[in-house]
Amino acid sequence: GMPSSQSHDDAVMATSDDAAVSKLSAVQLKYLEDPYIQHMVAQPTRRAPLINRGYYSRVRHIRKALDSFLELSESVGEQPQVVSLGAGLDTMWWCLRDEGKAPKGGWYEVDYEKVVRSKREVVLRTPPLSRALGDG
């Protein structure tokens, strides 16, 4: 039969934890640089090489598209906004901010309330994450 909508939602929400664990694995193996993702993961797990390479490719392509969008928008005098749907535990904003590339029009994240609440708790108790919000 069809899964209940609650179990479907739980399965979708679990992907945010899985993505953070996979990204941290790629960072720990030097595929990617992200000093913030470690704070989003309670139990680091080393992923298989194919997963690490897949995350490297995924993050590089998303980042390339984002950099192009931000550069183009700002070159024509716009204040770009980013709305990240299903943002999960992603830490891209902190990485962009470190490079002076945070979108001038704002960065907005949308996700299930449970995911947002969990991320908010981590951010508030983690100074490297929470400090950045005041001057974002």
Protein backbone atom coordinates (compact mmCIF):
# COMPACT_ATOMS: atom_id res chain seq x y z
CA GLY A 1 0.00 0.00 0.00
CA MET A 2 0.89 3.68 -0.04
CA PRO A 3 3.13 4.93 2.75
CA SER A 4 1.43 7.27 5.19
CA SER A 5 2.24 10.92 4.65
CA GLN A 6 3.91 10.96 8.11
CA SER A 7 6.36 8.19 7.18
CA HIS A 8 7.01 9.89 3.83
CA ASP A 9 7.76 13.18 5.59
CA ASP A 10 10.07 11.41 8.05
CA ALA A 11 11.92 9.75 5.17
CA VAL A 12 12.32 13.09 3.39
CA MET A 13 13.53 14.78 6.59
CA ALA A 14 16.09 12.01 7.13
CA THR A 15 17.73 13.00 3.84
CA SER A 16 18.95 16.25 5.43
CA ASP A 17 20.93 14.30 8.05
CA ASP A 18 22.18 11.89 5.40
CA ALA A 19 23.31 14.76 3.16
CA ALA A 20 25.18 16.45 6.02
CA VAL A 21 26.94 13.18 6.95
CA SER A 22 27.91 12.62 3.31
CA LYS A 23 29.19 16.18 2.91
CA LEU A 24 31.23 15.91 6.12
CA SER A 25 32.74 12.64 4.86
CA ALA A 26 33.82 14.39 1.64
CA VAL A 27 35.23 17.31 3.66
CA GLN A 28 37.19 15.04 6.01
CA LEU A 29 38.74 13.31 2.99
CA LYS A 30 39.68 16.73 1.50
CA TYR A 31 37.30 16.52 -1.47
CA LEU A 32 35.66 19.75 -0.29
CA GLU A 33 36.31 22.61 2.10
CA ASP A 34 33.59 23.47 4.61
CA PRO A 35 34.63 24.26 8.17
CA TYR A 36 30.98 24.47 9.30
CA ILE A 37 29.39 21.17 8.25
CA GLN A 38 31.07 19.33 11.18
CA HIS A 39 28.73 21.18 13.56
CA MET A 40 25.65 19.74 11.84
CA VAL A 41 26.66 16.09 12.24
CA ALA A 42 26.41 14.20 15.54
CA GLN A 43 27.86 10.91 14.24
CA PRO A 44 30.43 11.28 11.44
CA THR A 45 30.54 8.31 9.09
CA ARG A 46 33.04 7.68 6.33
CA ARG A 47 31.18 7.18 3.08
CA ALA A 48 32.18 5.02 0.12
CA PRO A 49 34.44 6.67 -2.50
CA LEU A 50 31.58 6.90 -5.01
CA ILE A 51 29.45 8.85 -2.49
CA ASN A 52 32.36 11.20 -1.70
CA ARG A 53 32.98 11.86 -5.38
CA GLY A 54 29.25 12.34 -5.95
CA TYR A 55 29.04 14.92 -3.17
CA TYR A 56 32.14 16.67 -4.47
CA SER A 57 30.54 16.91 -7.92
CA ARG A 58 27.17 18.00 -6.54
CA VAL A 59 28.59 20.75 -4.32
CA ARG A 60 31.01 22.01 -7.01
CA HIS A 61 28.23 22.30 -9.60
CA ILE A 62 25.77 23.97 -7.25
CA ARG A 63 28.49 26.35 -6.11
CA LYS A 64 29.53 27.16 -9.71
CA ALA A 65 25.91 27.99 -10.64
CA LEU A 66 25.49 30.05 -7.46
CA ASP A 67 28.72 32.00 -8.02
CA SER A 68 27.67 32.75 -11.63
CA PHE A 69 24.23 33.94 -10.50
CA LEU A 70 25.66 36.16 -7.74
CA GLU A 71 28.39 37.65 -9.96
CA LEU A 72 25.98 38.33 -12.83
CA SER A 73 23.34 39.86 -10.54
CA GLU A 74 25.82 42.12 -8.80
CA SER A 75 27.53 43.13 -12.06
CA VAL A 76 24.23 44.66 -13.24
CA GLY A 77 23.63 46.39 -9.90
CA GLU A 78 21.10 43.94 -8.49
CA GLN A 79 20.93 42.74 -4.89
CA PRO A 80 20.45 39.01 -5.44
CA GLN A 81 18.40 36.88 -3.08
CA VAL A 82 18.76 33.14 -2.67
CA VAL A 83 15.86 30.97 -1.52
CA SER A 84 17.02 27.46 -0.70
CA LEU A 85 14.11 25.01 -0.81
CA GLY A 86 14.68 21.90 1.27
CA ALA A 87 17.82 23.52 2.69
CA GLY A 88 18.26 20.87 5.36
CA LEU A 89 21.47 21.26 7.36
CA ASP A 90 23.38 22.94 4.55
CA THR A 91 26.11 25.40 5.54
CA MET A 92 26.72 27.08 2.17
CA TRP A 93 25.76 30.56 3.47
CA TRP A 94 28.55 30.50 6.07
CA CYS A 95 31.08 29.43 3.43
CA LEU A 96 29.95 32.20 1.05
CA ARG A 97 30.04 34.73 3.87
CA ASP A 98 33.63 33.80 4.71
CA GLU A 99 34.55 34.60 1.11
CA GLY A 100 32.65 37.90 1.13
CA LYS A 101 30.12 36.44 -1.34
CA ALA A 102 26.94 36.17 0.73
CA PRO A 103 24.04 37.41 -1.43
CA LYS A 104 23.39 41.09 -0.72
CA GLY A 105 19.62 40.69 -0.99
CA GLY A 106 19.50 37.90 1.59
CA TRP A 107 19.64 34.13 1.99
CA TYR A 108 16.42 32.35 2.90
CA GLU A 109 16.03 28.69 3.79
CA VAL A 110 12.80 26.70 3.64
CA ASP A 111 12.32 23.22 5.05
CA TYR A 112 10.13 21.13 7.34
CA GLU A 113 9.59 22.79 10.72
CA LYS A 114 11.33 19.90 12.50
CA VAL A 115 14.45 20.31 10.32
CA VAL A 116 14.51 24.10 10.70
CA ARG A 117 14.07 23.83 14.48
CA SER A 118 16.91 21.31 14.74
CA LYS A 119 19.24 23.45 12.60
CA ARG A 120 18.33 26.55 14.60
CA GLU A 121 19.25 24.78 17.86
CA VAL A 122 22.64 23.77 16.45
CA VAL A 123 23.32 27.29 15.14
CA LEU A 124 22.37 28.97 18.43
CA ARG A 125 24.63 26.72 20.53
CA THR A 126 27.59 26.87 18.12
CA PRO A 127 29.51 30.17 18.28
CA PRO A 128 31.20 29.91 14.84
CA LEU A 129 27.68 29.65 13.35
CA SER A 130 25.72 31.99 15.62
CA ARG A 131 28.32 34.80 15.65
CA ALA A 132 28.03 35.16 11.88
CA LEU A 133 24.29 35.86 12.01
CA GLY A 134 24.67 39.23 13.68
CA ASP A 135 26.72 40.68 10.85
CA GLY A 136 25.47 38.56 7.93
